Amino acid sequence: MTSLHADEAFLGHYQLSHDPFAPRVPGFKFFPAQRKPVLGQLHHLARYSQLLLVVTGPLGSGKTLLRQALVASTNKQSVQSVVVSARGAGDAAGVLRQVAQALDVSTAEPNAILKQVVQLGLTGQEVYLLVDDAEQLDESALEALLALAAGTPEGRPHVFLFGESSLIAELEQISGEQELFHVIELQPYEEEETREYLAQRLEGAGQGIELFSASQISDIHESSDGWPGTINQVARDAMIEAMIASRSAVKRPKMGFTMPKKHVLAISAVVVVAVAAAWLIPGRSKAPTTAGAPTEQAQLPLGKPTPNVEFANSGQPTNLPMVGQPVMRGPLAEAAGGINEGDDGVPVEGSSATPPTVTTTAPPAGVPAGQPAAKPAPAPAQVATAKPAPVAKPAAPAPVAKPAPAAKPAEKPVTVAKAGATGSSWYTSQPTGNFVVQILGTSSEANAQAFVKEQGGEYRYFKKVLNGKPLYVITYGNFSSRTAAESAIKALPAKVQAGKPWPRTVASVQQELATTR
């Protein structure tokens, strides 16, 4: 499934100039109504507040996009922006080294950096110090940044930290009772904002919001909880699922009316029986007999009881409306389909579905009408006569459909399907505040079962309905926090990570299960 995320197939199918839902799209800027005041608030606090400013939100909430907007909206003549990443350099030495290099300071120490900030202030330039992935900063780095934010009476940089909510607890522990920082928490998009976000993403890639229906947009918003990073992933998955479905439909040849094979065999059987019956109509020329053995062809007048059909292993005779039917053996019985069939429609050898031998004769003398006649010995088909004598043999019948279904054997249980059902009940039994990692979604339950069976361990799947069709969603693990789920993603195999898995709450899964039911 993850191979279906290949950019070439995805972009070519929808005629996109680039992946509209990539994490970083050059030039993309989207600020819903609720985010524009946040940007203005950051500028206001940078000018009038003496505190370190913290912007928090979960992974994929748009923190980096907001940071880019803050840098882009500053006056380049009066503000020098220094962007630092805490990823891979979360200690004080790593952070100060990046700041010193950006400000052309030879010594990576807080005092040396502050001196340079003061010098820039004398020339009319302020310094904005912006740190991405700030939740990865350790205690030493946070203490160094708080010292820079406090500055000196002569000047100080404006320090902005963009990170997840776990950052707040670390800062509170360092600050104690002092008010050293101000927090701005980002909020998820409303559904209309999700629609506008999708439209702008698609328009930037050469398409429009028409690629999604209104119900699809609602499903994307609900599944992503309104966070833009997750919206990207869910929307991309939905488009790929639609691409797979449309390609599967194209591959199926469009043909005229085609009668099923079994129906064709059944009609053939009727034709063969009718031809055989014609040979037995009274008035036809009689076949030659052996010398000294006068024969009399048995006739079944219309006013008398119809002959009985006896099925092997059955004690119940069945009346047939036709008269004068020949014995059905060999090719006819072998051609009849059974209940237990192989993949190609052929009955499994030795199974209980192997068609029974069928005999049709007039009741012999001494046997009451309606009772099964004795089973004839295997021999070429022949018509019952008053006295044994060879008669004209009808044309060899062609293979026909089975005369009657054999007893249906017990169905084999599907082990993996039961595991899927158990998986659904597992989700409903977990705390709503826990997290799972969504790996992928597929419209084929067989694919989901195969993936879970291959990976094993903590992989499960559940069934939801997307656009009126079933979607089987595979998840991994069970975590008490989003941070733990994100850490687990980094340890997943490379081919699983290729599908860009993302954490989601158990509550959102339970809601989808409730909707499906």
Protein backbone atom coordinates (compact mmCIF):
# COMPACT_ATOMS: atom_id res chain seq x y z
CA MET A 1 0.00 0.00 0.00
CA THR A 2 2.73 2.41 0.80
CA SER A 3 4.14 2.01 -2.72
CA LEU A 4 0.96 3.60 -4.01
CA HIS A 5 2.18 6.90 -2.56
CA ALA A 6 4.60 7.27 -5.45
CA ASP A 7 4.57 10.91 -6.54
CA GLU A 8 4.63 10.14 -10.26
CA ALA A 9 1.40 8.11 -10.23
CA PHE A 10 -0.35 10.51 -7.86
CA LEU A 11 0.60 13.70 -9.73
CA GLY A 12 -0.04 12.21 -13.15
CA HIS A 13 -3.49 10.89 -12.30
CA TYR A 14 -4.76 14.26 -11.04
CA GLN A 15 -2.57 16.37 -13.37
CA LEU A 16 -0.96 18.24 -10.48
CA SER A 17 2.11 20.43 -10.92
CA HIS A 18 3.39 19.31 -7.50
CA ASP A 19 2.19 17.46 -4.42
CA PRO A 20 -0.32 19.91 -2.90
CA PHE A 21 -0.15 18.21 0.49
CA ALA A 22 3.60 18.06 0.96
CA PRO A 23 4.75 19.36 4.40
CA ARG A 24 6.78 22.16 2.83
CA VAL A 25 5.39 23.87 -0.27
CA PRO A 26 7.41 26.93 -1.34
CA GLY A 27 5.36 30.10 -1.37
CA PHE A 28 2.32 28.58 0.31
CA LYS A 29 0.69 30.91 2.83
CA PHE A 30 -2.65 30.27 4.46
CA PHE A 31 -3.97 32.28 7.37
CA PRO A 32 -7.56 31.60 8.38
CA ALA A 33 -9.47 34.22 10.30
CA GLN A 34 -8.35 32.84 13.66
CA ARG A 35 -4.63 32.86 12.75
CA LYS A 36 -4.39 36.44 11.47
CA PRO A 37 -4.97 37.92 14.97
CA VAL A 38 -2.27 35.56 16.32
CA LEU A 39 0.25 36.99 13.87
CA GLY A 40 -0.72 40.52 14.88
CA GLN A 41 -0.48 39.60 18.55
CA LEU A 42 3.07 38.33 18.08
CA HIS A 43 4.14 41.60 16.49
CA HIS A 44 2.45 43.56 19.27
CA LEU A 45 4.06 41.52 22.08
CA ALA A 46 7.49 41.72 20.41
CA ARG A 47 7.25 45.50 20.54
CA TYR A 48 5.77 46.05 23.99
CA SER A 49 6.37 42.89 26.08
CA GLN A 50 9.58 42.06 27.94
CA LEU A 51 8.74 38.34 28.12
CA LEU A 52 9.89 35.36 26.09
CA LEU A 53 7.03 34.40 23.73
CA VAL A 54 5.94 30.78 23.32
CA VAL A 55 3.67 29.47 20.52
CA THR A 56 2.39 25.93 21.16
CA GLY A 57 0.35 23.39 19.27
CA PRO A 58 0.50 19.68 18.37
CA LEU A 59 2.58 18.29 15.53
CA GLY A 60 1.20 19.60 12.27
CA SER A 61 -0.72 22.50 13.83
CA GLY A 62 0.93 25.15 11.63
CA LYS A 63 3.61 26.47 14.00
CA THR A 64 6.31 26.57 11.33
CA LEU A 65 3.98 28.26 8.86
CA LEU A 66 3.22 30.92 11.47
CA ARG A 67 6.92 31.39 12.14
CA GLN A 68 7.54 31.87 8.41
CA ALA A 69 4.74 34.43 8.27
CA LEU A 70 6.21 36.30 11.22
CA VAL A 71 9.59 36.56 9.48
CA ALA A 72 8.03 37.52 6.15
CA SER A 73 5.86 40.25 7.68
CA THR A 74 8.68 42.06 9.52
CA ASN A 75 10.39 45.12 8.16
CA LYS A 76 13.72 43.89 6.84
CA GLN A 77 15.25 47.32 7.26
CA SER A 78 14.60 47.46 10.99
CA VAL A 79 14.51 43.75 12.02
CA GLN A 80 17.14 41.05 11.65
CA SER A 81 15.50 37.60 12.05
CA VAL A 82 17.61 34.69 13.28
CA VAL A 83 15.96 31.29 12.81
CA VAL A 84 17.31 28.40 14.90
CA SER A 85 16.29 24.73 14.85
CA ALA A 86 16.44 22.71 18.04
CA ARG A 87 16.30 19.45 16.11
CA GLY A 88 19.62 17.71 16.64
CA ALA A 89 21.05 20.66 18.60
CA GLY A 90 18.87 21.01 21.67
CA ASP A 91 21.50 21.93 24.26
CA ALA A 92 22.77 25.41 25.15
CA ALA A 93 26.00 25.03 23.19
CA GLY A 94 24.19 24.00 19.99
CA VAL A 95 21.64 26.81 20.17
CA LEU A 96 24.13 29.57 21.06
CA ARG A 97 26.47 28.40 18.30
CA GLN A 98 23.72 28.87 15.69
CA VAL A 99 22.82 32.33 17.06
CA ALA A 100 26.44 33.50 17.20
CA GLN A 101 27.06 32.34 13.64
CA ALA A 102 23.97 34.19 12.34
CA LEU A 103 24.95 37.41 14.14
CA ASP A 104 28.63 37.11 13.20
CA VAL A 105 29.78 36.76 16.84
CA SER A 106 33.06 34.95 17.43
CA THR A 107 32.20 33.66 20.93
CA ALA A 108 29.07 31.55 21.38
CA GLU A 109 28.17 32.89 24.82
CA PRO A 110 25.11 34.86 26.05
CA ASN A 111 27.13 37.97 27.04
CA ALA A 112 28.92 38.18 23.68
CA ILE A 113 25.64 37.75 21.80
CA LEU A 114 23.91 40.43 23.90
CA LYS A 115 26.71 42.87 23.15
CA GLN A 116 26.17 42.36 19.44
CA VAL A 117 22.41 42.88 19.89
CA VAL A 118 23.09 46.18 21.62
CA GLN A 119 25.40 47.27 18.77
CA LEU A 120 22.71 46.45 16.20
CA GLY A 121 20.19 48.41 18.26
CA LEU A 122 22.36 51.49 18.01
CA THR A 123 22.08 51.25 14.21
CA GLY A 124 18.27 51.00 14.42
CA GLN A 125 17.97 47.22 14.01
CA GLU A 126 16.14 44.87 16.34
CA VAL A 127 16.88 41.14 16.58
CA TYR A 128 14.13 38.50 16.38
CA LEU A 129 15.39 35.10 17.60
CA LEU A 130 12.96 32.35 16.47
CA VAL A 131 13.43 28.70 17.56
CA ASP A 132 11.64 25.84 15.74
CA ASP A 133 10.97 22.43 17.38
CA ALA A 134 11.51 24.07 20.77
CA GLU A 135 10.08 21.06 22.63
CA GLN A 136 13.46 19.38 21.93
CA LEU A 137 15.39 22.00 23.92
CA ASP A 138 16.94 20.73 27.13
CA GLU A 139 17.06 22.68 30.42
CA SER A 140 20.43 24.32 29.67
CA ALA A 141 19.20 25.66 26.33
CA LEU A 142 15.98 27.03 27.87
CA GLU A 143 17.96 28.79 30.60
CA ALA A 144 20.27 30.36 27.99
CA LEU A 145 17.31 31.57 25.92
CA LEU A 146 15.56 33.02 28.98
CA ALA A 147 18.78 34.91 29.77
CA LEU A 148 18.90 36.31 26.22
CA ALA A 149 15.21 37.31 26.41
CA ALA A 150 15.85 39.19 29.68
CA GLY A 151 18.74 41.03 28.00
CA THR A 152 20.47 44.06 29.49
CA PRO A 153 19.27 47.59 30.15
CA GLU A 154 20.86 48.62 26.85
CA GLY A 155 19.11 46.07 24.71
CA ARG A 156 17.79 42.56 24.22
CA PRO A 157 16.58 40.26 21.40
CA HIS A 158 12.92 39.27 21.04
CA VAL A 159 12.88 35.48 21.58
CA PHE A 160 10.08 33.31 20.11
CA LEU A 161 9.79 29.57 20.81
CA PHE A 162 7.62 27.40 18.54
CA GLY A 163 6.99 23.95 20.03
CA GLU A 164 4.55 21.44 21.41
CA SER A 165 2.72 21.89 24.71
CA SER A 166 5.26 19.77 26.63
CA LEU A 167 7.55 22.81 26.39
CA ILE A 168 5.39 24.77 28.86
CA ALA A 169 6.01 22.40 31.77
CA GLU A 170 9.78 22.71 31.29
CA LEU A 171 9.63 26.51 31.28
CA GLU A 172 7.41 26.60 34.37
CA GLN A 173 9.85 24.42 36.25
CA ILE A 174 12.75 26.77 35.42
CA SER A 175 10.79 30.00 36.03
CA GLY A 176 9.32 29.02 39.36
CA GLU A 177 7.16 31.92 40.61
CA GLN A 178 8.61 34.44 38.16
CA GLU A 179 6.68 35.57 35.10
CA LEU A 180 9.27 35.06 32.38
CA PHE A 181 7.26 33.95 29.36
CA HIS A 182 3.90 34.36 27.63
CA VAL A 183 2.09 31.45 25.91
CA ILE A 184 -0.10 31.56 22.79
CA GLU A 185 -1.88 28.26 22.07
CA LEU A 186 -2.91 27.61 18.47
CA GLN A 187 -6.45 26.35 17.81
CA PRO A 188 -7.53 23.82 15.13
CA TYR A 189 -9.35 24.92 12.00
CA GLU A 190 -13.12 25.04 11.74
CA GLU A 191 -14.66 22.97 8.93
CA GLU A 192 -15.03 25.99 6.65
CA GLU A 193 -11.40 26.87 7.28
CA THR A 194 -10.45 23.29 6.40
CA ARG A 195 -12.29 23.69 3.10
CA GLU A 196 -10.48 26.97 2.36
CA TYR A 197 -7.16 25.38 3.28
CA LEU A 198 -7.76 22.43 0.91
CA ALA A 199 -8.86 24.78 -1.87
CA GLN A 200 -5.72 26.92 -1.60
CA ARG A 201 -3.48 23.84 -1.49
CA LEU A 202 -5.09 22.38 -4.64
CA GLU A 203 -5.17 25.69 -6.51
CA GLY A 204 -1.45 26.09 -5.94
CA ALA A 205 -0.92 22.73 -7.67
CA GLY A 206 -3.13 23.57 -10.67
CA GLN A 207 -6.44 22.02 -9.57
CA GLY A 208 -9.47 23.06 -7.53
CA ILE A 209 -11.60 22.05 -4.58
CA GLU A 210 -13.93 20.24 -7.03
CA LEU A 211 -11.70 17.18 -6.57
CA PHE A 212 -13.41 16.71 -3.19
CA SER A 213 -17.11 16.38 -2.51
CA ALA A 214 -18.75 18.10 0.44
CA SER A 215 -18.96 14.81 2.33
CA GLN A 216 -15.28 14.11 1.67
CA ILE A 217 -14.33 17.50 3.07
CA SER A 218 -16.41 16.81 6.21
CA ASP A 219 -14.71 13.42 6.62
CA ILE A 220 -11.25 14.95 6.17
CA HIS A 221 -12.00 17.63 8.75
CA GLU A 222 -13.36 15.09 11.24
CA SER A 223 -10.48 12.65 10.79
CA SER A 224 -7.81 15.34 11.10
CA ASP A 225 -9.36 17.15 14.09
CA GLY A 226 -8.81 20.37 12.10
CA TRP A 227 -4.99 20.40 12.34
CA PRO A 228 -3.41 21.37 8.98
CA GLY A 229 -0.58 18.83 9.06
CA THR A 230 -3.03 15.98 9.57
CA ILE A 231 -5.40 17.48 6.99
CA ASN A 232 -2.58 17.10 4.45
CA GLN A 233 -2.12 13.42 5.24
CA VAL A 234 -5.82 12.51 5.35
CA ALA A 235 -6.60 14.44 2.15
CA ARG A 236 -3.72 12.80 0.31
CA ASP A 237 -4.85 9.34 1.46
CA ALA A 238 -8.42 10.07 0.29
CA MET A 239 -7.20 11.11 -3.16
CA ILE A 240 -5.01 8.02 -3.47
CA GLU A 241 -7.91 5.76 -2.48
CA ALA A 242 -10.06 7.43 -5.16
CA MET A 243 -7.25 7.00 -7.69
CA ILE A 244 -6.98 3.28 -6.92
CA ALA A 245 -10.74 2.82 -7.21
CA SER A 246 -10.96 4.62 -10.56
CA ARG A 247 -8.03 2.68 -12.01
CA SER A 248 -9.55 -0.61 -10.92
CA ALA A 249 -12.80 0.36 -12.64
CA VAL A 250 -10.98 1.24 -15.88
CA LYS A 251 -9.15 -2.08 -15.93
CA ARG A 252 -12.40 -4.03 -15.89
CA PRO A 253 -13.42 -4.58 -19.57
CA LYS A 254 -16.82 -3.22 -20.44
CA MET A 255 -18.64 -6.10 -22.16
CA GLY A 256 -22.18 -6.73 -23.24
CA PHE A 257 -24.50 -9.08 -21.42
CA THR A 258 -22.59 -12.25 -20.57
CA MET A 259 -24.40 -15.20 -19.13
CA PRO A 260 -22.63 -16.93 -16.22
CA LYS A 261 -20.91 -20.19 -17.07
CA LYS A 262 -23.16 -22.24 -14.80
CA HIS A 263 -26.29 -20.85 -16.46
CA VAL A 264 -24.91 -21.74 -19.89
CA LEU A 265 -24.27 -25.29 -18.68
CA ALA A 266 -27.78 -25.50 -17.27
CA ILE A 267 -29.32 -24.45 -20.59
CA SER A 268 -27.11 -26.96 -22.38
CA ALA A 269 -28.39 -29.66 -20.05
CA VAL A 270 -32.00 -28.82 -20.88
CA VAL A 271 -31.24 -28.95 -24.61
CA VAL A 272 -29.48 -32.31 -24.27
CA VAL A 273 -32.33 -33.76 -22.22
CA ALA A 274 -34.85 -32.49 -24.76
CA VAL A 275 -32.92 -34.10 -27.62
CA ALA A 276 -32.65 -37.34 -25.70
CA ALA A 277 -36.38 -37.27 -24.96
CA ALA A 278 -37.11 -36.81 -28.65
CA TRP A 279 -35.43 -40.14 -29.30
CA LEU A 280 -37.88 -41.80 -26.96
CA ILE A 281 -41.12 -40.26 -28.33
CA PRO A 282 -43.61 -43.04 -29.30
CA GLY A 283 -43.73 -43.64 -33.01
CA ARG A 284 -40.02 -43.31 -33.62
CA SER A 285 -38.39 -46.16 -35.46
CA LYS A 286 -37.28 -48.88 -33.14
CA ALA A 287 -33.69 -49.93 -32.95
CA PRO A 288 -32.73 -53.40 -34.19
CA THR A 289 -32.74 -56.16 -31.64
CA THR A 290 -30.77 -59.32 -31.30
CA ALA A 291 -32.16 -62.50 -32.82
CA GLY A 292 -34.62 -64.30 -30.68
CA ALA A 293 -34.99 -61.54 -28.19
CA PRO A 294 -38.15 -59.57 -28.88
CA THR A 295 -38.10 -56.18 -27.25
CA GLU A 296 -40.63 -53.66 -26.21
CA GLN A 297 -39.55 -50.10 -25.61
CA ALA A 298 -40.92 -48.73 -22.38
CA GLN A 299 -43.15 -45.73 -22.88
CA LEU A 300 -44.29 -43.29 -20.27
CA PRO A 301 -47.77 -42.04 -21.16
CA LEU A 302 -48.63 -38.51 -20.16
CA GLY A 303 -51.50 -39.48 -17.94
CA LYS A 304 -49.39 -41.60 -15.59
CA PRO A 305 -47.07 -40.66 -12.71
CA THR A 306 -43.78 -39.13 -13.77
CA PRO A 307 -40.55 -41.03 -13.12
CA ASN A 308 -38.53 -40.48 -10.00
CA VAL A 309 -34.95 -39.26 -9.80
CA GLU A 310 -32.74 -40.83 -7.21
CA PHE A 311 -29.64 -38.92 -6.01
CA ALA A 312 -26.73 -40.74 -4.49
CA ASN A 313 -26.72 -40.58 -0.67
CA SER A 314 -30.32 -39.34 -0.62
CA GLY A 315 -33.38 -41.14 0.57
CA GLN A 316 -35.88 -38.66 -0.91
CA PRO A 317 -37.08 -39.20 -4.53
CA THR A 318 -37.74 -36.11 -6.62
CA ASN A 319 -40.32 -35.97 -9.42
CA LEU A 320 -39.28 -34.52 -12.73
CA PRO A 321 -41.79 -32.94 -15.12
CA MET A 322 -40.15 -34.44 -18.21
CA VAL A 323 -40.81 -38.00 -19.31
CA GLY A 324 -38.54 -40.49 -20.90
CA GLN A 325 -35.30 -38.96 -19.67
CA PRO A 326 -32.16 -41.04 -20.19
CA VAL A 327 -29.87 -42.19 -17.45
CA MET A 328 -27.47 -39.33 -16.44
CA ARG A 329 -23.95 -40.53 -15.83
CA GLY A 330 -20.35 -39.89 -16.67
CA PRO A 331 -19.96 -36.57 -18.52
CA LEU A 332 -23.20 -35.07 -17.17
CA ALA A 333 -22.40 -35.84 -13.54
CA GLU A 334 -18.80 -34.76 -13.93
CA ALA A 335 -19.78 -31.45 -15.52
CA ALA A 336 -22.19 -30.55 -12.74
CA GLY A 337 -20.65 -27.95 -10.40
CA GLY A 338 -20.52 -28.61 -6.69
CA ILE A 339 -20.65 -26.38 -3.64
CA ASN A 340 -16.98 -26.75 -2.79
CA GLU A 341 -15.17 -25.18 -5.73
CA GLY A 342 -11.56 -24.29 -6.25
CA ASP A 343 -10.38 -20.83 -7.28
CA ASP A 344 -11.12 -21.53 -10.92
CA GLY A 345 -14.65 -22.84 -10.33
CA VAL A 346 -13.70 -26.56 -10.53
CA PRO A 347 -14.95 -28.77 -7.69
CA VAL A 348 -12.23 -29.77 -5.26
CA GLU A 349 -11.20 -33.35 -5.78
CA GLY A 350 -12.56 -35.65 -3.13
CA SER A 351 -14.81 -32.99 -1.59
CA SER A 352 -18.39 -33.55 -0.53
CA ALA A 353 -19.43 -31.29 -3.40
CA THR A 354 -18.52 -33.85 -6.09
CA PRO A 355 -21.80 -34.25 -8.02
CA PRO A 356 -23.78 -37.44 -7.31
CA THR A 357 -24.78 -39.99 -9.93
CA VAL A 358 -28.31 -39.36 -11.19
CA THR A 359 -30.59 -42.06 -12.55
CA THR A 360 -33.97 -41.67 -14.23
CA THR A 361 -35.99 -44.80 -14.94
CA ALA A 362 -39.54 -45.99 -14.85
CA PRO A 363 -40.28 -47.80 -11.57
CA PRO A 364 -39.49 -51.52 -12.00
CA ALA A 365 -42.05 -54.16 -11.36
CA GLY A 366 -42.75 -54.68 -7.73
CA VAL A 367 -41.64 -51.24 -6.63
CA PRO A 368 -44.43 -48.79 -5.73
CA ALA A 369 -44.52 -45.49 -7.54
CA GLY A 370 -42.73 -42.72 -5.64
CA GLN A 371 -40.15 -45.09 -4.11
CA PRO A 372 -36.50 -44.93 -5.24
CA ALA A 373 -35.45 -47.64 -7.61
CA ALA A 374 -32.39 -49.76 -7.03
CA LYS A 375 -29.16 -48.05 -8.01
CA PRO A 376 -28.03 -49.39 -11.40
CA ALA A 377 -24.56 -50.74 -11.89
CA PRO A 378 -22.10 -48.45 -13.72
CA ALA A 379 -22.71 -49.04 -17.41
CA PRO A 380 -23.43 -47.06 -20.56
CA ALA A 381 -26.68 -45.11 -20.35
CA GLN A 382 -29.71 -47.09 -21.51
CA VAL A 383 -33.49 -46.90 -21.37
CA ALA A 384 -35.40 -49.18 -19.03
CA THR A 385 -37.38 -51.87 -20.92
CA ALA A 386 -39.87 -54.51 -20.09
CA LYS A 387 -37.32 -57.18 -20.99
CA PRO A 388 -33.54 -56.60 -21.10
CA ALA A 389 -32.48 -55.93 -24.65
CA PRO A 390 -30.14 -53.44 -26.33
CA VAL A 391 -31.79 -50.34 -27.77
CA ALA A 392 -30.64 -47.43 -29.87
CA LYS A 393 -28.19 -45.32 -28.00
CA PRO A 394 -28.93 -41.57 -28.09
CA ALA A 395 -26.34 -39.03 -29.05
CA ALA A 396 -23.67 -38.54 -26.40
CA PRO A 397 -24.87 -35.72 -24.13
CA ALA A 398 -22.66 -32.69 -23.65
CA PRO A 399 -21.55 -31.56 -20.19
CA VAL A 400 -24.34 -29.78 -18.37
CA ALA A 401 -24.87 -28.01 -15.11
CA LYS A 402 -25.36 -29.89 -11.89
CA PRO A 403 -28.93 -31.33 -11.56
CA ALA A 404 -29.21 -30.37 -7.91
CA PRO A 405 -26.89 -28.89 -5.30
CA ALA A 406 -25.16 -31.24 -2.92
CA ALA A 407 -25.25 -30.68 0.81
CA LYS A 408 -23.34 -27.48 1.57
CA PRO A 409 -20.27 -28.17 3.73
CA ALA A 410 -19.51 -26.03 6.75
CA GLU A 411 -17.70 -22.83 5.80
CA LYS A 412 -14.12 -22.49 6.89
CA PRO A 413 -13.59 -19.74 9.47
CA VAL A 414 -11.48 -16.79 8.35
CA THR A 415 -8.96 -16.25 11.11
CA VAL A 416 -7.79 -12.79 10.08
CA ALA A 417 -11.32 -11.46 9.65
CA LYS A 418 -12.05 -12.47 13.23
CA ALA A 419 -8.96 -10.62 14.28
CA GLY A 420 -10.32 -7.51 12.59
CA ALA A 421 -13.57 -7.76 14.51
CA THR A 422 -11.62 -8.22 17.71
CA GLY A 423 -9.61 -5.15 16.75
CA SER A 424 -12.76 -3.02 16.60
CA SER A 425 -13.76 -4.07 20.09
CA TRP A 426 -10.22 -3.39 21.23
CA TYR A 427 -10.47 0.26 20.16
CA THR A 428 -13.72 0.76 22.04
CA SER A 429 -12.19 -0.62 25.24
CA GLN A 430 -9.24 1.82 25.31
CA PRO A 431 -9.13 5.20 27.14
CA THR A 432 -10.27 8.02 24.86
CA GLY A 433 -7.23 10.14 25.76
CA ASN A 434 -4.76 7.55 24.45
CA PHE A 435 -3.16 7.74 21.01
CA VAL A 436 -2.56 5.27 18.18
CA VAL A 437 -0.46 5.72 15.06
CA GLN A 438 -2.46 5.58 11.83
CA ILE A 439 -0.39 3.72 9.24
CA LEU A 440 -2.61 3.67 6.16
CA GLY A 441 -6.13 3.13 4.88
CA THR A 442 -7.24 0.72 2.15
CA SER A 443 -10.54 -0.16 0.52
CA SER A 444 -9.60 -3.86 0.51
CA GLU A 445 -10.00 -5.79 3.75
CA ALA A 446 -7.79 -8.53 2.31
CA ASN A 447 -4.96 -6.01 1.94
CA ALA A 448 -5.46 -4.82 5.52
CA GLN A 449 -5.45 -8.39 6.81
CA ALA A 450 -2.29 -9.22 4.87
CA PHE A 451 -0.49 -6.11 6.15
CA VAL A 452 -1.43 -6.80 9.79
CA LYS A 453 -0.46 -10.45 9.45
CA GLU A 454 2.89 -9.53 7.90
CA GLN A 455 3.79 -6.88 10.49
CA GLY A 456 2.21 -8.59 13.53
CA GLY A 457 2.81 -7.17 16.98
CA GLU A 458 0.82 -4.05 17.80
CA TYR A 459 -0.72 -3.61 14.33
CA ARG A 460 -4.53 -3.64 14.15
CA TYR A 461 -7.20 -2.37 11.82
CA PHE A 462 -10.78 -1.17 12.01
CA LYS A 463 -13.50 -0.54 9.48
CA LYS A 464 -15.02 2.86 8.75
CA VAL A 465 -17.21 4.21 5.98
CA LEU A 466 -15.80 6.90 3.68
CA ASN A 467 -18.07 8.34 0.97
CA GLY A 468 -20.46 5.43 1.40
CA LYS A 469 -17.75 2.81 0.88
CA PRO A 470 -15.85 0.74 3.46
CA LEU A 471 -12.33 1.83 4.34
CA TYR A 472 -10.06 -0.37 6.46
CA VAL A 473 -7.69 1.72 8.57
CA ILE A 474 -4.52 0.14 9.99
CA THR A 475 -3.07 1.51 13.23
CA TYR A 476 -0.09 0.73 15.39
CA GLY A 477 0.40 0.67 19.16
CA ASN A 478 -1.35 2.27 22.12
CA PHE A 479 0.24 5.33 23.72
CA SER A 480 -0.64 7.52 26.66
CA SER A 481 0.49 10.75 24.95
CA ARG A 482 1.03 12.21 21.49
CA THR A 483 4.74 12.59 22.26
CA ALA A 484 5.08 8.86 22.89
CA ALA A 485 3.23 8.10 19.65
CA GLU A 486 5.50 10.43 17.67
CA SER A 487 8.58 8.80 19.17
CA ALA A 488 7.24 5.39 18.15
CA ILE A 489 6.82 6.57 14.55
CA LYS A 490 10.57 7.21 14.32
CA ALA A 491 11.26 3.59 15.28
CA LEU A 492 8.94 2.06 12.66
CA PRO A 493 10.43 0.18 9.68
CA ALA A 494 11.42 2.35 6.72
CA LYS A 495 8.73 0.95 4.42
CA VAL A 496 6.05 1.74 7.02
CA GLN A 497 7.39 5.25 7.54
CA ALA A 498 7.24 5.77 3.77
CA GLY A 499 3.46 6.00 4.13
CA LYS A 500 3.89 9.02 6.46
CA PRO A 501 2.07 7.60 9.55
CA TRP A 502 0.62 10.08 12.03
CA PRO A 503 -0.71 9.96 15.60
CA ARG A 504 -4.42 10.27 16.35
CA THR A 505 -6.57 9.97 19.45
CA VAL A 506 -8.43 6.81 20.36
CA ALA A 507 -11.50 9.03 20.82
CA SER A 508 -11.51 9.88 17.11
CA VAL A 509 -11.33 6.18 16.22
CA GLN A 510 -14.19 5.37 18.59
CA GLN A 511 -16.26 8.12 17.00
CA GLU A 512 -15.70 6.64 13.54
CA LEU A 513 -16.61 3.17 14.78
CA ALA A 514 -19.82 4.53 16.31
CA THR A 515 -20.71 6.25 13.03
CA THR A 516 -20.03 3.06 11.06
CA ARG A 517 -22.31 1.04 13.32
